[in-house]
Amino acid sequence: MVSTELGLQLHDRATRGQVLTAEEQVQLDRWYQQQDAAEAELLEVSQPRLLNLELQQVDQAVSHLASVVQQIQQTTAENRAIKQEIILLQQQLLATQST
């Protein structure tokens, strides 16, 4: 296992164009592999959490949408009832005016 300090030093030297010995290059490659493995592990842990959070958000949105749909259906039913009442009142008004 290559220490973080050594890995950072070798990485710094390599990215600045300095030539590394064969042994140093092997150590740098190992350090890169360690960093990749650590990153992959973090991603594996965080991905399910993100997925669960996204699913919770979808569930909340669906629940909110269902509530809004229910309110719209209720308002539509009330509007129909009011329209029927208006029609009945108009008919009664016409009936009283024609007599």
PDB file of N, CA and C in Angstrom:
ATOM      1  N   MET A   1       0.850  -1.178   0.000  1.00  0.00           N
ATOM      2  CA  MET A   1       0.000   0.000   0.000  1.00  0.00           C
ATOM      3  C   MET A   1       0.893   1.237   0.000  1.00  0.00           C
ATOM      4  N   VAL A   2       0.589   2.125  -0.899  1.00  0.00           N
ATOM      5  CA  VAL A   2       1.371   3.350  -1.041  1.00  0.00           C
ATOM      6  C   VAL A   2       0.717   4.426  -0.177  1.00  0.00           C
ATOM      7  N   SER A   3       1.539   5.120   0.609  1.00  0.00           N
ATOM      8  CA  SER A   3       0.996   6.157   1.482  1.00  0.00           C
ATOM      9  C   SER A   3       0.466   7.316   0.647  1.00  0.00           C
ATOM     10  N   THR A   4      -0.495   8.031   1.240  1.00  0.00           N
ATOM     11  CA  THR A   4      -1.085   9.181   0.556  1.00  0.00           C
ATOM     12  C   THR A   4      -0.022  10.228   0.255  1.00  0.00           C
ATOM     13  N   GLU A   5       0.846  10.460   1.218  1.00  0.00           N
ATOM     14  CA  GLU A   5       1.887  11.480   1.043  1.00  0.00           C
ATOM     15  C   GLU A   5       2.804  11.138  -0.131  1.00  0.00           C
ATOM     16  N   LEU A   6       3.266   9.886  -0.172  1.00  0.00           N
ATOM     17  CA  LEU A   6       4.148   9.472  -1.269  1.00  0.00           C
ATOM     18  C   LEU A   6       3.394   9.522  -2.592  1.00  0.00           C
ATOM     19  N   GLY A   7       2.169   9.058  -2.606  1.00  0.00           N
ATOM     20  CA  GLY A   7       1.375   9.085  -3.833  1.00  0.00           C
ATOM     21  C   GLY A   7       1.201  10.492  -4.360  1.00  0.00           C
ATOM     22  N   LEU A   8       0.912  11.425  -3.461  1.00  0.00           N
ATOM     23  CA  LEU A   8       0.752  12.818  -3.873  1.00  0.00           C
ATOM     24  C   LEU A   8       2.062  13.395  -4.414  1.00  0.00           C
ATOM     25  N   GLN A   9       3.159  13.056  -3.766  1.00  0.00           N
ATOM     26  CA  GLN A   9       4.461  13.548  -4.232  1.00  0.00           C
ATOM     27  C   GLN A   9       4.778  13.013  -5.623  1.00  0.00           C
ATOM     28  N   LEU A  10       4.573  11.698  -5.812  1.00  0.00           N
ATOM     29  CA  LEU A  10       4.856  11.101  -7.116  1.00  0.00           C
ATOM     30  C   LEU A  10       3.925  11.671  -8.185  1.00  0.00           C
ATOM     31  N   HIS A  11       2.676  11.831  -7.846  1.00  0.00           N
ATOM     32  CA  HIS A  11       1.701  12.404  -8.781  1.00  0.00           C
ATOM     33  C   HIS A  11       2.124  13.818  -9.174  1.00  0.00           C
ATOM     34  N   ASP A  12       2.513  14.604  -8.184  1.00  0.00           N
ATOM     35  CA  ASP A  12       2.951  15.973  -8.439  1.00  0.00           C
ATOM     36  C   ASP A  12       4.140  15.990  -9.385  1.00  0.00           C
ATOM     37  N   ARG A  13       5.109  15.144  -9.104  1.00  0.00           N
ATOM     38  CA  ARG A  13       6.301  15.107  -9.954  1.00  0.00           C
ATOM     39  C   ARG A  13       5.949  14.667 -11.373  1.00  0.00           C
ATOM     40  N   ALA A  14       5.100  13.644 -11.490  1.00  0.00           N
ATOM     41  CA  ALA A  14       4.732  13.122 -12.818  1.00  0.00           C
ATOM     42  C   ALA A  14       3.961  14.162 -13.620  1.00  0.00           C
ATOM     43  N   THR A  15       3.060  14.880 -12.942  1.00  0.00           N
ATOM     44  CA  THR A  15       2.269  15.872 -13.680  1.00  0.00           C
ATOM     45  C   THR A  15       3.084  17.106 -14.043  1.00  0.00           C
ATOM     46  N   ARG A  16       4.205  17.295 -13.394  1.00  0.00           N
ATOM     47  CA  ARG A  16       5.093  18.416 -13.743  1.00  0.00           C
ATOM     48  C   ARG A  16       6.127  18.013 -14.796  1.00  0.00           C
ATOM     49  N   GLY A  17       6.015  16.780 -15.271  1.00  0.00           N
ATOM     50  CA  GLY A  17       6.906  16.332 -16.343  1.00  0.00           C
ATOM     51  C   GLY A  17       8.217  15.758 -15.871  1.00  0.00           C
ATOM     52  N   GLN A  18       8.382  15.564 -14.566  1.00  0.00           N
ATOM     53  CA  GLN A  18       9.625  14.980 -14.064  1.00  0.00           C
ATOM     54  C   GLN A  18       9.610  13.478 -14.333  1.00  0.00           C
ATOM     55  N   VAL A  19      10.766  12.948 -14.629  1.00  0.00           N
ATOM     56  CA  VAL A  19      10.882  11.526 -14.933  1.00  0.00           C
ATOM     57  C   VAL A  19      10.937  10.739 -13.630  1.00  0.00           C
ATOM     58  N   LEU A  20      10.115   9.693 -13.555  1.00  0.00           N
ATOM     59  CA  LEU A  20      10.100   8.820 -12.383  1.00  0.00           C
ATOM     60  C   LEU A  20      10.884   7.564 -12.693  1.00  0.00           C
ATOM     61  N   THR A  21      11.484   6.993 -11.652  1.00  0.00           N
ATOM     62  CA  THR A  21      12.156   5.717 -11.846  1.00  0.00           C
ATOM     63  C   THR A  21      11.083   4.647 -12.071  1.00  0.00           C
ATOM     64  N   ALA A  22      11.495   3.492 -12.523  1.00  0.00           N
ATOM     65  CA  ALA A  22      10.550   2.402 -12.770  1.00  0.00           C
ATOM     66  C   ALA A  22       9.815   2.045 -11.482  1.00  0.00           C
ATOM     67  N   GLU A  23      10.544   1.998 -10.373  1.00  0.00           N
ATOM     68  CA  GLU A  23       9.925   1.669  -9.085  1.00  0.00           C
ATOM     69  C   GLU A  23       8.926   2.749  -8.665  1.00  0.00           C
ATOM     70  N   GLU A  24       9.314   4.007  -8.871  1.00  0.00           N
ATOM     71  CA  GLU A  24       8.397   5.102  -8.522  1.00  0.00           C
ATOM     72  C   GLU A  24       7.137   5.061  -9.382  1.00  0.00           C
ATOM     73  N   GLN A  25       7.299   4.712 -10.670  1.00  0.00           N
ATOM     74  CA  GLN A  25       6.134   4.623 -11.561  1.00  0.00           C
ATOM     75  C   GLN A  25       5.199   3.505 -11.107  1.00  0.00           C
ATOM     76  N   VAL A  26       5.775   2.388 -10.661  1.00  0.00           N
ATOM     77  CA  VAL A  26       4.959   1.287 -10.144  1.00  0.00           C
ATOM     78  C   VAL A  26       4.207   1.747  -8.897  1.00  0.00           C
ATOM     79  N   GLN A  27       4.900   2.452  -8.014  1.00  0.00           N
ATOM     80  CA  GLN A  27       4.259   2.964  -6.802  1.00  0.00           C
ATOM     81  C   GLN A  27       3.133   3.944  -7.148  1.00  0.00           C
ATOM     82  N   LEU A  28       3.376   4.820  -8.135  1.00  0.00           N
ATOM     83  CA  LEU A  28       2.355   5.776  -8.544  1.00  0.00           C
ATOM     84  C   LEU A  28       1.143   5.050  -9.126  1.00  0.00           C
ATOM     85  N   ASP A  29       1.414   4.045  -9.954  1.00  0.00           N
ATOM     86  CA  ASP A  29       0.307   3.268 -10.527  1.00  0.00           C
ATOM     87  C   ASP A  29      -0.503   2.575  -9.433  1.00  0.00           C
ATOM     88  N   ARG A  30       0.163   2.042  -8.433  1.00  0.00           N
ATOM     89  CA  ARG A  30      -0.544   1.413  -7.300  1.00  0.00           C
ATOM     90  C   ARG A  30      -1.378   2.449  -6.556  1.00  0.00           C
ATOM     91  N   TRP A  31      -0.798   3.620  -6.356  1.00  0.00           N
ATOM     92  CA  TRP A  31      -1.523   4.677  -5.644  1.00  0.00           C
ATOM     93  C   TRP A  31      -2.764   5.092  -6.429  1.00  0.00           C
ATOM     94  N   TYR A  32      -2.616   5.203  -7.759  1.00  0.00           N
ATOM     95  CA  TYR A  32      -3.779   5.518  -8.597  1.00  0.00           C
ATOM     96  C   TYR A  32      -4.855   4.439  -8.441  1.00  0.00           C
ATOM     97  N   GLN A  33      -4.437   3.187  -8.426  1.00  0.00           N
ATOM     98  CA  GLN A  33      -5.391   2.085  -8.261  1.00  0.00           C
ATOM     99  C   GLN A  33      -6.104   2.182  -6.902  1.00  0.00           C
ATOM    100  N   GLN A  34      -5.333   2.525  -5.869  1.00  0.00           N
ATOM    101  CA  GLN A  34      -5.926   2.691  -4.533  1.00  0.00           C
ATOM    102  C   GLN A  34      -6.962   3.822  -4.554  1.00  0.00           C
ATOM    103  N   GLN A  35      -6.591   4.927  -5.210  1.00  0.00           N
ATOM    104  CA  GLN A  35      -7.510   6.063  -5.275  1.00  0.00           C
ATOM    105  C   GLN A  35      -8.775   5.694  -6.049  1.00  0.00           C
ATOM    106  N   ASP A  36      -8.616   4.973  -7.158  1.00  0.00           N
ATOM    107  CA  ASP A  36      -9.757   4.536  -7.951  1.00  0.00           C
ATOM    108  C   ASP A  36     -10.661   3.606  -7.147  1.00  0.00           C
ATOM    109  N   ALA A  37     -10.042   2.689  -6.391  1.00  0.00           N
ATOM    110  CA  ALA A  37     -10.830   1.755  -5.580  1.00  0.00           C
ATOM    111  C   ALA A  37     -11.595   2.496  -4.487  1.00  0.00           C
ATOM    112  N   ALA A  38     -10.946   3.464  -3.856  1.00  0.00           N
ATOM    113  CA  ALA A  38     -11.613   4.242  -2.802  1.00  0.00           C
ATOM    114  C   ALA A  38     -12.771   5.045  -3.390  1.00  0.00           C
ATOM    115  N   GLU A  39     -12.555   5.616  -4.558  1.00  0.00           N
ATOM    116  CA  GLU A  39     -13.618   6.391  -5.211  1.00  0.00           C
ATOM    117  C   GLU A  39     -14.786   5.485  -5.607  1.00  0.00           C
ATOM    118  N   ALA A  40     -14.470   4.318  -6.146  1.00  0.00           N
ATOM    119  CA  ALA A  40     -15.525   3.375  -6.536  1.00  0.00           C
ATOM    120  C   ALA A  40     -16.336   2.949  -5.324  1.00  0.00           C
ATOM    121  N   GLU A  41     -15.652   2.740  -4.203  1.00  0.00           N
ATOM    122  CA  GLU A  41     -16.350   2.360  -2.971  1.00  0.00           C
ATOM    123  C   GLU A  41     -17.297   3.468  -2.517  1.00  0.00           C
ATOM    124  N   LEU A  42     -16.825   4.698  -2.579  1.00  0.00           N
ATOM    125  CA  LEU A  42     -17.678   5.830  -2.205  1.00  0.00           C
ATOM    126  C   LEU A  42     -18.892   5.926  -3.115  1.00  0.00           C
ATOM    127  N   LEU A  43     -18.683   5.716  -4.393  1.00  0.00           N
ATOM    128  CA  LEU A  43     -19.793   5.796  -5.340  1.00  0.00           C
ATOM    129  C   LEU A  43     -20.810   4.692  -5.100  1.00  0.00           C
ATOM    130  N   GLU A  44     -20.329   3.494  -4.771  1.00  0.00           N
ATOM    131  CA  GLU A  44     -21.243   2.391  -4.492  1.00  0.00           C
ATOM    132  C   GLU A  44     -22.102   2.688  -3.275  1.00  0.00           C
ATOM    133  N   VAL A  45     -21.529   3.327  -2.293  1.00  0.00           N
ATOM    134  CA  VAL A  45     -22.276   3.661  -1.072  1.00  0.00           C
ATOM    135  C   VAL A  45     -23.247   4.796  -1.342  1.00  0.00           C
ATOM    136  N   SER A  46     -22.827   5.802  -2.097  1.00  0.00           N
ATOM    137  CA  SER A  46     -23.671   6.978  -2.292  1.00  0.00           C
ATOM    138  C   SER A  46     -24.768   6.746  -3.325  1.00  0.00           C
ATOM    139  N   GLN A  47     -24.552   5.881  -4.304  1.00  0.00           N
ATOM    140  CA  GLN A  47     -25.556   5.653  -5.341  1.00  0.00           C
ATOM    141  C   GLN A  47     -26.879   5.142  -4.771  1.00  0.00           C
ATOM    142  N   PRO A  48     -26.885   4.121  -3.919  1.00  0.00           N
ATOM    143  CA  PRO A  48     -28.176   3.691  -3.365  1.00  0.00           C
ATOM    144  C   PRO A  48     -28.855   4.789  -2.549  1.00  0.00           C
ATOM    145  N   ARG A  49     -28.073   5.576  -1.835  1.00  0.00           N
ATOM    146  CA  ARG A  49     -28.658   6.672  -1.065  1.00  0.00           C
ATOM    147  C   ARG A  49     -29.308   7.687  -1.986  1.00  0.00           C
ATOM    148  N   LEU A  50     -28.606   8.018  -3.080  1.00  0.00           N
ATOM    149  CA  LEU A  50     -29.175   8.962  -4.044  1.00  0.00           C
ATOM    150  C   LEU A  50     -30.426   8.390  -4.678  1.00  0.00           C
ATOM    151  N   LEU A  51     -30.381   7.101  -5.025  1.00  0.00           N
ATOM    152  CA  LEU A  51     -31.540   6.460  -5.635  1.00  0.00           C
ATOM    153  C   LEU A  51     -32.715   6.469  -4.674  1.00  0.00           C
ATOM    154  N   ASN A  52     -32.465   6.157  -3.408  1.00  0.00           N
ATOM    155  CA  ASN A  52     -33.537   6.177  -2.415  1.00  0.00           C
ATOM    156  C   ASN A  52     -34.109   7.579  -2.246  1.00  0.00           C
ATOM    157  N   LEU A  53     -33.244   8.576  -2.237  1.00  0.00           N
ATOM    158  CA  LEU A  53     -33.705   9.961  -2.121  1.00  0.00           C
ATOM    159  C   LEU A  53     -34.549  10.342  -3.326  1.00  0.00           C
ATOM    160  N   GLU A  54     -34.100   9.968  -4.520  1.00  0.00           N
ATOM    161  CA  GLU A  54     -34.859  10.269  -5.727  1.00  0.00           C
ATOM    162  C   GLU A  54     -36.209   9.565  -5.715  1.00  0.00           C
ATOM    163  N   LEU A  55     -36.233   8.312  -5.261  1.00  0.00           N
ATOM    164  CA  LEU A  55     -37.497   7.583  -5.187  1.00  0.00           C
ATOM    165  C   LEU A  55     -38.440   8.220  -4.170  1.00  0.00           C
ATOM    166  N   GLN A  56     -37.905   8.695  -3.069  1.00  0.00           N
ATOM    167  CA  GLN A  56     -38.737   9.389  -2.085  1.00  0.00           C
ATOM    168  C   GLN A  56     -39.324  10.663  -2.692  1.00  0.00           C
ATOM    169  N   GLN A  57     -38.524  11.383  -3.459  1.00  0.00           N
ATOM    170  CA  GLN A  57     -39.010  12.602  -4.100  1.00  0.00           C
ATOM    171  C   GLN A  57     -40.103  12.282  -5.117  1.00  0.00           C
ATOM    172  N   VAL A  58     -39.932  11.192  -5.857  1.00  0.00           N
ATOM    173  CA  VAL A  58     -40.949  10.778  -6.818  1.00  0.00           C
ATOM    174  C   VAL A  58     -42.223  10.402  -6.078  1.00  0.00           C
ATOM    175  N   ASP A  59     -42.096   9.648  -4.991  1.00  0.00           N
ATOM    176  CA  ASP A  59     -43.269   9.271  -4.194  1.00  0.00           C
ATOM    177  C   ASP A  59     -43.995  10.506  -3.673  1.00  0.00           C
ATOM    178  N   GLN A  60     -43.253  11.493  -3.208  1.00  0.00           N
ATOM    179  CA  GLN A  60     -43.868  12.729  -2.718  1.00  0.00           C
ATOM    180  C   GLN A  60     -44.584  13.460  -3.848  1.00  0.00           C
ATOM    181  N   ALA A  61     -43.966  13.503  -5.012  1.00  0.00           N
ATOM    182  CA  ALA A  61     -44.584  14.177  -6.160  1.00  0.00           C
ATOM    183  C   ALA A  61     -45.857  13.454  -6.581  1.00  0.00           C
ATOM    184  N   VAL A  62     -45.828  12.138  -6.599  1.00  0.00           N
ATOM    185  CA  VAL A  62     -47.016  11.356  -6.962  1.00  0.00           C
ATOM    186  C   VAL A  62     -48.123  11.573  -5.943  1.00  0.00           C
ATOM    187  N   SER A  63     -47.767  11.591  -4.682  1.00  0.00           N
ATOM    188  CA  SER A  63     -48.754  11.831  -3.630  1.00  0.00           C
ATOM    189  C   SER A  63     -49.378  13.215  -3.778  1.00  0.00           C
ATOM    190  N   HIS A  64     -48.546  14.207  -4.045  1.00  0.00           N
ATOM    191  CA  HIS A  64     -49.045  15.577  -4.234  1.00  0.00           C
ATOM    192  C   HIS A  64     -49.947  15.637  -5.462  1.00  0.00           C
ATOM    193  N   LEU A  65     -49.530  14.993  -6.531  1.00  0.00           N
ATOM    194  CA  LEU A  65     -50.324  14.974  -7.755  1.00  0.00           C
ATOM    195  C   LEU A  65     -51.674  14.305  -7.518  1.00  0.00           C
ATOM    196  N   ALA A  66     -51.698  13.207  -6.774  1.00  0.00           N
ATOM    197  CA  ALA A  66     -52.958  12.532  -6.465  1.00  0.00           C
ATOM    198  C   ALA A  66     -53.878  13.455  -5.674  1.00  0.00           C
ATOM    199  N   SER A  67     -53.312  14.209  -4.755  1.00  0.00           N
ATOM    200  CA  SER A  67     -54.098  15.160  -3.968  1.00  0.00           C
ATOM    201  C   SER A  67     -54.688  16.249  -4.856  1.00  0.00           C
ATOM    202  N   VAL A  68     -53.891  16.763  -5.770  1.00  0.00           N
ATOM    203  CA  VAL A  68     -54.363  17.804  -6.690  1.00  0.00           C
ATOM    204  C   VAL A  68     -55.461  17.253  -7.598  1.00  0.00           C
ATOM    205  N   VAL A  69     -55.272  16.036  -8.093  1.00  0.00           N
ATOM    206  CA  VAL A  69     -56.297  15.407  -8.941  1.00  0.00           C
ATOM    207  C   VAL A  69     -57.599  15.255  -8.168  1.00  0.00           C
ATOM    208  N   GLN A  70     -57.512  14.845  -6.921  1.00  0.00           N
ATOM    209  CA  GLN A  70     -58.711  14.693  -6.094  1.00  0.00           C
ATOM    210  C   GLN A  70     -59.413  16.041  -5.903  1.00  0.00           C
ATOM    211  N   GLN A  71     -58.654  17.097  -5.683  1.00  0.00           N
ATOM    212  CA  GLN A  71     -59.242  18.435  -5.539  1.00  0.00           C
ATOM    213  C   GLN A  71     -59.922  18.874  -6.839  1.00  0.00           C
ATOM    214  N   ILE A  72     -59.291  18.586  -7.962  1.00  0.00           N
ATOM    215  CA  ILE A  72     -59.880  18.946  -9.258  1.00  0.00           C
ATOM    216  C   ILE A  72     -61.173  18.177  -9.477  1.00  0.00           C
ATOM    217  N   GLN A  73     -61.175  16.898  -9.144  1.00  0.00           N
ATOM    218  CA  GLN A  73     -62.389  16.095  -9.308  1.00  0.00           C
ATOM    219  C   GLN A  73     -63.511  16.611  -8.413  1.00  0.00           C
ATOM    220  N   GLN A  74     -63.170  16.989  -7.205  1.00  0.00           N
ATOM    221  CA  GLN A  74     -64.166  17.524  -6.280  1.00  0.00           C
ATOM    222  C   GLN A  74     -64.723  18.851  -6.806  1.00  0.00           C
ATOM    223  N   THR A  75     -63.857  19.720  -7.278  1.00  0.00           N
ATOM    224  CA  THR A  75     -64.295  21.007  -7.825  1.00  0.00           C
ATOM    225  C   THR A  75     -65.164  20.793  -9.062  1.00  0.00           C
ATOM    226  N   THR A  76     -64.798  19.861  -9.901  1.00  0.00           N
ATOM    227  CA  THR A  76     -65.590  19.559 -11.102  1.00  0.00           C
ATOM    228  C   THR A  76     -66.980  19.073 -10.714  1.00  0.00           C
ATOM    229  N   ALA A  77     -67.063  18.218  -9.721  1.00  0.00           N
ATOM    230  CA  ALA A  77     -68.367  17.718  -9.265  1.00  0.00           C
ATOM    231  C   ALA A  77     -69.201  18.853  -8.683  1.00  0.00           C
ATOM    232  N   GLU A  78     -68.587  19.728  -7.912  1.00  0.00           N
ATOM    233  CA  GLU A  78     -69.306  20.876  -7.347  1.00  0.00           C
ATOM    234  C   GLU A  78     -69.791  21.813  -8.461  1.00  0.00           C
ATOM    235  N   ASN A  79     -68.955  22.028  -9.469  1.00  0.00           N
ATOM    236  CA  ASN A  79     -69.349  22.873 -10.600  1.00  0.00           C
ATOM    237  C   ASN A  79     -70.552  22.277 -11.340  1.00  0.00           C
ATOM    238  N   ARG A  80     -70.555  20.969 -11.533  1.00  0.00           N
ATOM    239  CA  ARG A  80     -71.698  20.319 -12.194  1.00  0.00           C
ATOM    240  C   ARG A  80     -72.977  20.522 -11.387  1.00  0.00           C
ATOM    241  N   ALA A  81     -72.862  20.358 -10.078  1.00  0.00           N
ATOM    242  CA  ALA A  81     -74.037  20.531  -9.219  1.00  0.00           C
ATOM    243  C   ALA A  81     -74.540  21.964  -9.284  1.00  0.00           C
ATOM    244  N   ILE A  82     -73.641  22.918  -9.276  1.00  0.00           N
ATOM    245  CA  ILE A  82     -74.030  24.338  -9.350  1.00  0.00           C
ATOM    246  C   ILE A  82     -74.676  24.636 -10.698  1.00  0.00           C
ATOM    247  N   LYS A  83     -74.134  24.094 -11.780  1.00  0.00           N
ATOM    248  CA  LYS A  83     -74.723  24.301 -13.107  1.00  0.00           C
ATOM    249  C   LYS A  83     -76.143  23.752 -13.153  1.00  0.00           C
ATOM    250  N   GLN A  84     -76.327  22.581 -12.565  1.00  0.00           N
ATOM    251  CA  GLN A  84     -77.676  21.997 -12.543  1.00  0.00           C
ATOM    252  C   GLN A  84     -78.633  22.877 -11.746  1.00  0.00           C
ATOM    253  N   GLU A  85     -78.145  23.419 -10.645  1.00  0.00           N
ATOM    254  CA  GLU A  85     -78.975  24.309  -9.828  1.00  0.00           C
ATOM    255  C   GLU A  85     -79.316  25.581 -10.597  1.00  0.00           C
ATOM    256  N   ILE A  86     -78.360  26.118 -11.348  1.00  0.00           N
ATOM    257  CA  ILE A  86     -78.600  27.317 -12.156  1.00  0.00           C
ATOM    258  C   ILE A  86     -79.658  27.025 -13.216  1.00  0.00           C
ATOM    259  N   ILE A  87     -79.526  25.883 -13.882  1.00  0.00           N
ATOM    260  CA  ILE A  87     -80.512  25.513 -14.901  1.00  0.00           C
ATOM    261  C   ILE A  87     -81.903  25.405 -14.285  1.00  0.00           C
ATOM    262  N   LEU A  88     -82.007  24.781 -13.132  1.00  0.00           N
ATOM    263  CA  LEU A  88     -83.296  24.643 -12.437  1.00  0.00           C
ATOM    264  C   LEU A  88     -83.862  26.015 -12.063  1.00  0.00           C
ATOM    265  N   LEU A  89     -83.019  26.887 -11.530  1.00  0.00           N
ATOM    266  CA  LEU A  89     -83.474  28.231 -11.164  1.00  0.00           C
ATOM    267  C   LEU A  89     -83.914  29.032 -12.395  1.00  0.00           C
ATOM    268  N   GLN A  90     -83.184  28.894 -13.499  1.00  0.00           N
ATOM    269  CA  GLN A  90     -83.571  29.584 -14.731  1.00  0.00           C
ATOM    270  C   GLN A  90     -84.932  29.083 -15.232  1.00  0.00           C
ATOM    271  N   GLN A  91     -85.137  27.781 -15.134  1.00  0.00           N
ATOM    272  CA  GLN A  91     -86.424  27.217 -15.555  1.00  0.00           C
ATOM    273  C   GLN A  91     -87.560  27.731 -14.674  1.00  0.00           C
ATOM    274  N   GLN A  92     -87.289  27.814 -13.372  1.00  0.00           N
ATOM    275  CA  GLN A  92     -88.313  28.323 -12.452  1.00  0.00           C
ATOM    276  C   GLN A  92     -88.602  29.799 -12.754  1.00  0.00           C
ATOM    277  N   LEU A  93     -87.571  30.568 -13.040  1.00  0.00           N
ATOM    278  CA  LEU A  93     -87.746  31.979 -13.353  1.00  0.00           C
ATOM    279  C   LEU A  93     -88.585  32.165 -14.626  1.00  0.00           C
ATOM    280  N   LEU A  94     -88.276  31.377 -15.630  1.00  0.00           N
ATOM    281  CA  LEU A  94     -89.028  31.437 -16.878  1.00  0.00           C
ATOM    282  C   LEU A  94     -90.500  31.050 -16.659  1.00  0.00           C
ATOM    283  N   ALA A  95     -90.692  30.064 -15.820  1.00  0.00           N
ATOM    284  CA  ALA A  95     -92.050  29.588 -15.546  1.00  0.00           C
ATOM    285  C   ALA A  95     -92.854  30.684 -14.824  1.00  0.00           C
ATOM    286  N   THR A  96     -92.240  31.389 -13.900  1.00  0.00           N
ATOM    287  CA  THR A  96     -92.968  32.440 -13.166  1.00  0.00           C
ATOM    288  C   THR A  96     -93.185  33.653 -14.067  1.00  0.00           C
ATOM    289  N   GLN A  97     -92.306  33.915 -14.994  1.00  0.00           N
ATOM    290  CA  GLN A  97     -92.451  35.080 -15.889  1.00  0.00           C
ATOM    291  C   GLN A  97     -93.529  34.837 -16.942  1.00  0.00           C
ATOM    292  N   SER A  98     -93.701  33.598 -17.330  1.00  0.00           N
ATOM    293  CA  SER A  98     -94.678  33.318 -18.373  1.00  0.00           C
ATOM    294  C   SER A  98     -96.104  33.180 -17.835  1.00  0.00           C
ATOM    295  N   THR A  99     -96.268  33.172 -16.552  1.00  0.00           N
ATOM    296  CA  THR A  99     -97.610  33.081 -15.983  1.00  0.00           C
ATOM    297  C   THR A  99     -98.174  34.402 -15.576  1.00  0.00           C
TER     298      THR A  99
END
